[in-house]
Amino acid sequence: MNVEANGHQFAYIRRGQGEPLLLIQGMSGHHDMWGDWFLELLEPHFDVVAYSHRGISTSSRADAPFTIADLADDAAGIITASGWQRAHILGISLGGMVAQELALRHADSVQTLTIGCSWAGGPSVALAETARRMVDAMATRDVEHALKTGYEANLSPRFAADPTNFSRYAKLSLSQRVPVPVVLMQWDAAQNHSAYARLANISAPTLVIHGTADACMPHRNGEHIASLIPGSRLELLPGVGHLFWWEQPQRTADLLLSHTLQNSS
């Protein structure tokens, strides 16, 4: 299905019932990458909308560069198009950057904020070289190489050691259209993201989740974000990689449910 918002069409899925929950994917991610096993845990509690960013899947083409702020405006439009006044937000990686800007630019649209495996920019942290290698691998347009590099970057060694997990990762990664030029524009947008000096202005109740074995976005980035948002709660997941909701779906769902229940209208 597609929904029109902010002058674009966005591929999305909508499942479950309950409190409104918007899921915002990361760089090169799409709506299928949340995984049925995770969405099934959310459905009894939330009216879940998961979408693909501009240029990804069947969403509108992205022919010109964009910023994280542009993507935040997209997210705000999707909240409105979904018939919600505001929503709980879960954004991961690039989507966590979008979630930060969403809470800053459209505060009235955000009921609670959950930021996963992301960064806020600033001089004291940096994007990991592993993330750059993943982008470089995609730029080669060698599908097998890109899949293997992404798999190793996104998941902990323990989880990645199970070959059935690679099969699942490859199948879902390839299930939707992900143009390399769009990913490169996402990478540029992420590199230019700088919200750290403004995070103190976020008023939404905030949960920060980060795996301690995240090779793509080291967990000091999550600690940094949590230190800058007043009253935020930090949950570090020991030994867990970048795709923490893949490795610990039940724990992630429980954290999200607890956070939103404490801060529901």
Protein backbone atom coordinates (compact mmCIF):
# COMPACT_ATOMS: atom_id res chain seq x y z
CA MET A 1 0.00 0.00 0.00
CA ASN A 2 1.00 3.62 -0.48
CA VAL A 3 0.05 6.75 1.45
CA GLU A 4 0.40 10.37 0.27
CA ALA A 5 2.16 12.76 2.63
CA ASN A 6 4.32 15.89 2.35
CA GLY A 7 3.94 15.89 -1.44
CA HIS A 8 5.21 12.31 -1.85
CA GLN A 9 3.86 8.79 -2.00
CA PHE A 10 5.20 6.37 0.61
CA ALA A 11 5.09 2.59 0.65
CA TYR A 12 3.80 1.45 4.02
CA ILE A 13 2.18 -1.32 6.00
CA ARG A 14 -0.39 -0.91 8.76
CA ARG A 15 -1.06 -3.62 11.31
CA GLY A 16 -2.57 -4.11 14.76
CA GLN A 17 -4.74 -1.98 16.98
CA GLY A 18 -4.21 0.27 19.97
CA GLU A 19 -1.98 3.28 20.55
CA PRO A 20 -0.58 4.85 17.33
CA LEU A 21 3.02 3.81 16.66
CA LEU A 22 5.17 5.01 13.76
CA LEU A 23 8.25 2.95 12.86
CA ILE A 24 11.05 4.80 11.04
CA GLN A 25 13.68 2.67 9.34
CA GLY A 26 17.39 3.28 8.91
CA MET A 27 19.72 3.75 5.97
CA SER A 28 18.92 1.34 3.11
CA GLY A 29 16.13 -0.10 5.28
CA HIS A 30 12.53 -0.52 4.20
CA HIS A 31 9.24 -1.45 5.84
CA ASP A 32 9.79 -5.22 5.50
CA MET A 33 13.00 -5.01 7.53
CA TRP A 34 11.09 -4.78 10.80
CA GLY A 35 10.25 -8.47 10.39
CA ASP A 36 6.97 -10.24 10.99
CA TRP A 37 8.31 -11.76 14.21
CA PHE A 38 8.73 -8.26 15.70
CA LEU A 39 5.53 -6.76 14.29
CA GLU A 40 3.52 -9.68 15.69
CA LEU A 41 4.71 -8.69 19.18
CA LEU A 42 3.55 -5.09 18.64
CA GLU A 43 0.17 -5.76 16.99
CA PRO A 44 -1.82 -6.57 20.16
CA HIS A 45 -0.86 -3.22 21.67
CA PHE A 46 -0.35 -0.74 18.83
CA ASP A 47 -1.84 0.55 15.60
CA VAL A 48 1.48 0.18 13.77
CA VAL A 49 2.49 2.08 10.64
CA ALA A 50 5.86 1.24 9.09
CA TYR A 51 6.91 3.01 5.91
CA SER A 52 9.79 3.22 3.45
CA HIS A 53 11.64 6.51 3.01
CA ARG A 54 11.41 8.51 -0.20
CA GLY A 55 13.17 6.72 -3.04
CA ILE A 56 12.91 3.30 -1.34
CA SER A 57 10.54 0.45 -2.32
CA THR A 58 7.52 1.90 -4.17
CA SER A 59 7.78 5.28 -2.43
CA SER A 60 8.15 8.34 -4.66
CA ARG A 61 11.48 8.76 -6.44
CA ALA A 62 14.23 10.75 -4.76
CA ASP A 63 16.08 12.51 -7.56
CA ALA A 64 17.50 15.41 -5.55
CA PRO A 65 19.51 15.50 -2.31
CA PHE A 66 17.56 15.74 0.93
CA THR A 67 18.28 16.37 4.59
CA ILE A 68 17.31 14.61 7.78
CA ALA A 69 14.94 17.54 8.38
CA ASP A 70 13.24 16.77 5.05
CA LEU A 71 12.75 13.17 6.14
CA ALA A 72 11.34 14.37 9.47
CA ASP A 73 8.78 16.45 7.58
CA ASP A 74 7.89 13.28 5.65
CA ALA A 75 7.32 11.45 8.93
CA ALA A 76 5.12 14.25 10.26
CA GLY A 77 3.06 14.08 7.08
CA ILE A 78 2.62 10.33 7.45
CA ILE A 79 1.35 10.79 11.02
CA THR A 80 -1.32 13.16 9.72
CA ALA A 81 -2.13 10.97 6.71
CA SER A 82 -2.62 8.03 9.07
CA GLY A 83 -5.43 9.92 10.79
CA TRP A 84 -3.45 10.56 13.96
CA GLN A 85 -2.92 13.83 15.81
CA ARG A 86 0.23 12.41 17.35
CA ALA A 87 2.00 9.09 17.71
CA HIS A 88 4.57 7.10 19.59
CA ILE A 89 7.78 7.05 17.55
CA LEU A 90 10.42 4.35 17.16
CA GLY A 91 13.28 5.38 14.89
CA ILE A 92 16.43 3.34 14.40
CA SER A 93 19.83 4.39 13.03
CA LEU A 94 19.10 6.94 10.26
CA GLY A 95 15.49 6.69 11.41
CA GLY A 96 16.65 7.65 14.90
CA MET A 97 18.13 10.82 13.43
CA VAL A 98 14.81 11.46 11.69
CA ALA A 99 13.03 10.86 15.01
CA GLN A 100 15.22 13.47 16.73
CA GLU A 101 14.37 16.08 14.10
CA LEU A 102 10.71 15.07 14.17
CA ALA A 103 10.57 15.70 17.92
CA LEU A 104 12.29 19.06 17.45
CA ARG A 105 10.39 20.28 14.39
CA HIS A 106 6.98 18.74 15.06
CA ALA A 107 6.82 18.37 18.83
CA ASP A 108 3.02 18.29 18.88
CA SER A 109 3.06 15.18 16.67
CA VAL A 110 5.19 13.12 19.06
CA GLN A 111 3.69 11.44 22.11
CA THR A 112 6.76 9.43 23.07
CA LEU A 113 10.14 9.03 21.44
CA THR A 114 12.26 5.90 21.22
CA ILE A 115 15.65 6.28 19.54
CA GLY A 116 17.54 3.13 18.67
CA CYS A 117 21.17 2.61 17.57
CA SER A 118 21.53 6.19 16.35
CA TRP A 119 23.68 9.29 16.74
CA ALA A 120 23.18 13.02 17.24
CA GLY A 121 26.25 14.42 15.50
CA GLY A 122 28.74 16.63 17.27
CA PRO A 123 32.49 16.76 17.85
CA SER A 124 32.66 14.06 20.52
CA VAL A 125 31.27 11.18 18.43
CA ALA A 126 31.61 9.97 14.85
CA LEU A 127 29.98 7.62 12.40
CA ALA A 128 31.77 4.27 12.55
CA GLU A 129 34.11 3.20 9.77
CA THR A 130 32.04 0.01 9.62
CA ALA A 131 29.06 2.06 8.43
CA ARG A 132 31.21 3.60 5.70
CA ARG A 133 32.35 0.14 4.57
CA MET A 134 28.74 -0.94 4.29
CA VAL A 135 27.93 2.04 2.08
CA ASP A 136 31.03 1.43 -0.03
CA ALA A 137 30.00 -2.21 -0.47
CA MET A 138 26.58 -1.16 -1.73
CA ALA A 139 28.18 1.32 -4.11
CA THR A 140 29.98 -1.55 -5.88
CA ARG A 141 26.52 -2.91 -6.89
CA ASP A 142 27.86 -6.39 -6.11
CA VAL A 143 24.76 -7.79 -4.40
CA GLU A 144 26.48 -10.72 -2.66
CA HIS A 145 29.30 -8.52 -1.36
CA ALA A 146 26.85 -5.87 -0.12
CA LEU A 147 24.69 -8.45 1.65
CA LYS A 148 27.63 -10.07 3.43
CA THR A 149 29.13 -6.73 4.45
CA GLY A 150 25.79 -5.44 5.70
CA TYR A 151 25.09 -8.64 7.60
CA GLU A 152 28.42 -8.52 9.41
CA ALA A 153 28.02 -4.81 10.18
CA ASN A 154 24.44 -4.99 11.43
CA LEU A 155 24.47 -8.08 13.65
CA SER A 156 26.56 -9.30 16.56
CA PRO A 157 29.05 -12.12 15.87
CA ARG A 158 27.01 -14.47 18.06
CA PHE A 159 23.79 -13.86 16.14
CA ALA A 160 25.50 -13.76 12.75
CA ALA A 161 27.05 -17.19 13.32
CA ASP A 162 23.69 -18.86 12.66
CA PRO A 163 23.39 -19.32 8.84
CA THR A 164 19.59 -19.29 9.01
CA ASN A 165 19.80 -15.69 10.17
CA PHE A 166 21.76 -14.74 7.05
CA SER A 167 19.13 -16.37 4.85
CA ARG A 168 16.42 -14.35 6.56
CA TYR A 169 18.48 -11.16 6.32
CA ALA A 170 19.17 -11.66 2.61
CA LYS A 171 15.56 -12.47 1.79
CA LEU A 172 14.16 -9.41 3.56
CA SER A 173 16.89 -7.08 2.32
CA LEU A 174 16.10 -7.97 -1.28
CA SER A 175 12.31 -7.97 -0.89
CA GLN A 176 11.99 -4.27 -1.76
CA ARG A 177 13.67 -1.88 -4.20
CA VAL A 178 16.65 -0.05 -2.63
CA PRO A 179 18.43 2.09 -5.26
CA VAL A 180 22.11 2.70 -4.53
CA PRO A 181 21.94 6.45 -5.43
CA VAL A 182 19.24 6.92 -2.79
CA VAL A 183 21.33 5.15 -0.15
CA LEU A 184 24.26 7.42 -1.00
CA MET A 185 22.00 10.45 -0.51
CA GLN A 186 20.87 8.98 2.83
CA TRP A 187 24.53 8.60 3.80
CA ASP A 188 25.22 12.24 2.94
CA ALA A 189 22.17 13.32 4.96
CA ALA A 190 23.35 11.27 7.94
CA GLN A 191 26.86 12.73 7.79
CA ASN A 192 25.39 16.23 7.88
CA HIS A 193 23.03 15.46 10.76
CA SER A 194 23.77 17.65 13.76
CA ALA A 195 21.13 17.79 16.48
CA TYR A 196 23.30 17.47 19.59
CA ALA A 197 23.14 21.17 20.47
CA ARG A 198 19.33 21.14 20.25
CA LEU A 199 18.42 17.86 21.95
CA ALA A 200 17.85 19.62 25.27
CA ASN A 201 14.76 21.13 23.62
CA ILE A 202 13.07 17.74 23.18
CA SER A 203 10.07 17.56 25.52
CA ALA A 204 8.70 14.13 24.55
CA PRO A 205 9.39 11.31 27.03
CA THR A 206 12.41 9.57 25.51
CA LEU A 207 13.83 6.06 25.60
CA VAL A 208 17.23 5.33 24.03
CA ILE A 209 18.09 1.71 23.12
CA HIS A 210 21.52 0.57 21.98
CA GLY A 211 23.35 -2.74 21.72
CA THR A 212 26.81 -2.88 23.25
CA ALA A 213 28.10 -4.99 20.34
CA ASP A 214 26.91 -2.51 17.69
CA ALA A 215 29.78 -2.30 15.19
CA CYS A 216 27.90 0.05 12.88
CA MET A 217 27.04 2.71 15.47
CA PRO A 218 29.05 2.21 18.69
CA HIS A 219 26.98 2.43 21.85
CA ARG A 220 28.74 5.57 23.06
CA ASN A 221 26.48 7.32 20.54
CA GLY A 222 23.39 6.14 22.40
CA GLU A 223 24.93 7.21 25.69
CA HIS A 224 25.63 10.61 24.16
CA ILE A 225 22.04 11.05 22.99
CA ALA A 226 20.62 10.02 26.36
CA SER A 227 22.91 12.46 28.17
CA LEU A 228 21.58 15.35 26.09
CA ILE A 229 17.80 14.75 26.29
CA PRO A 230 16.35 15.80 29.65
CA GLY A 231 14.79 12.94 31.60
CA SER A 232 15.60 10.33 28.98
CA ARG A 233 16.10 6.66 29.84
CA LEU A 234 19.00 4.63 28.43
CA GLU A 235 18.77 0.87 27.89
CA LEU A 236 21.98 -0.86 26.80
CA LEU A 237 21.55 -4.41 25.49
CA PRO A 238 24.68 -6.43 26.32
CA GLY A 239 26.28 -8.28 23.40
CA VAL A 240 23.62 -7.12 20.93
CA GLY A 241 24.36 -5.64 17.49
CA HIS A 242 22.92 -2.83 15.38
CA LEU A 243 19.64 -4.58 14.49
CA PHE A 244 18.75 -5.01 18.15
CA TRP A 245 15.06 -5.73 17.46
CA TRP A 246 16.15 -8.71 15.33
CA GLU A 247 18.37 -10.14 18.04
CA GLN A 248 16.06 -9.37 20.99
CA PRO A 249 12.55 -8.79 19.61
CA GLN A 250 10.72 -9.62 22.84
CA ARG A 251 12.98 -7.43 24.95
CA THR A 252 12.57 -4.57 22.47
CA ALA A 253 8.79 -4.93 22.39
CA ASP A 254 8.66 -5.04 26.19
CA LEU A 255 10.78 -1.89 26.51
CA LEU A 256 8.67 -0.07 23.96
CA LEU A 257 5.37 -1.14 25.59
CA SER A 258 6.55 -0.14 29.07
CA HIS A 259 7.75 3.24 27.82
CA THR A 260 4.57 4.05 25.95
CA LEU A 261 2.22 2.82 28.70
CA GLN A 262 3.91 5.10 31.21
CA ASN A 263 3.39 8.04 28.89
CA SER A 264 0.05 7.43 27.18
CA SER A 265 -2.71 10.02 27.13
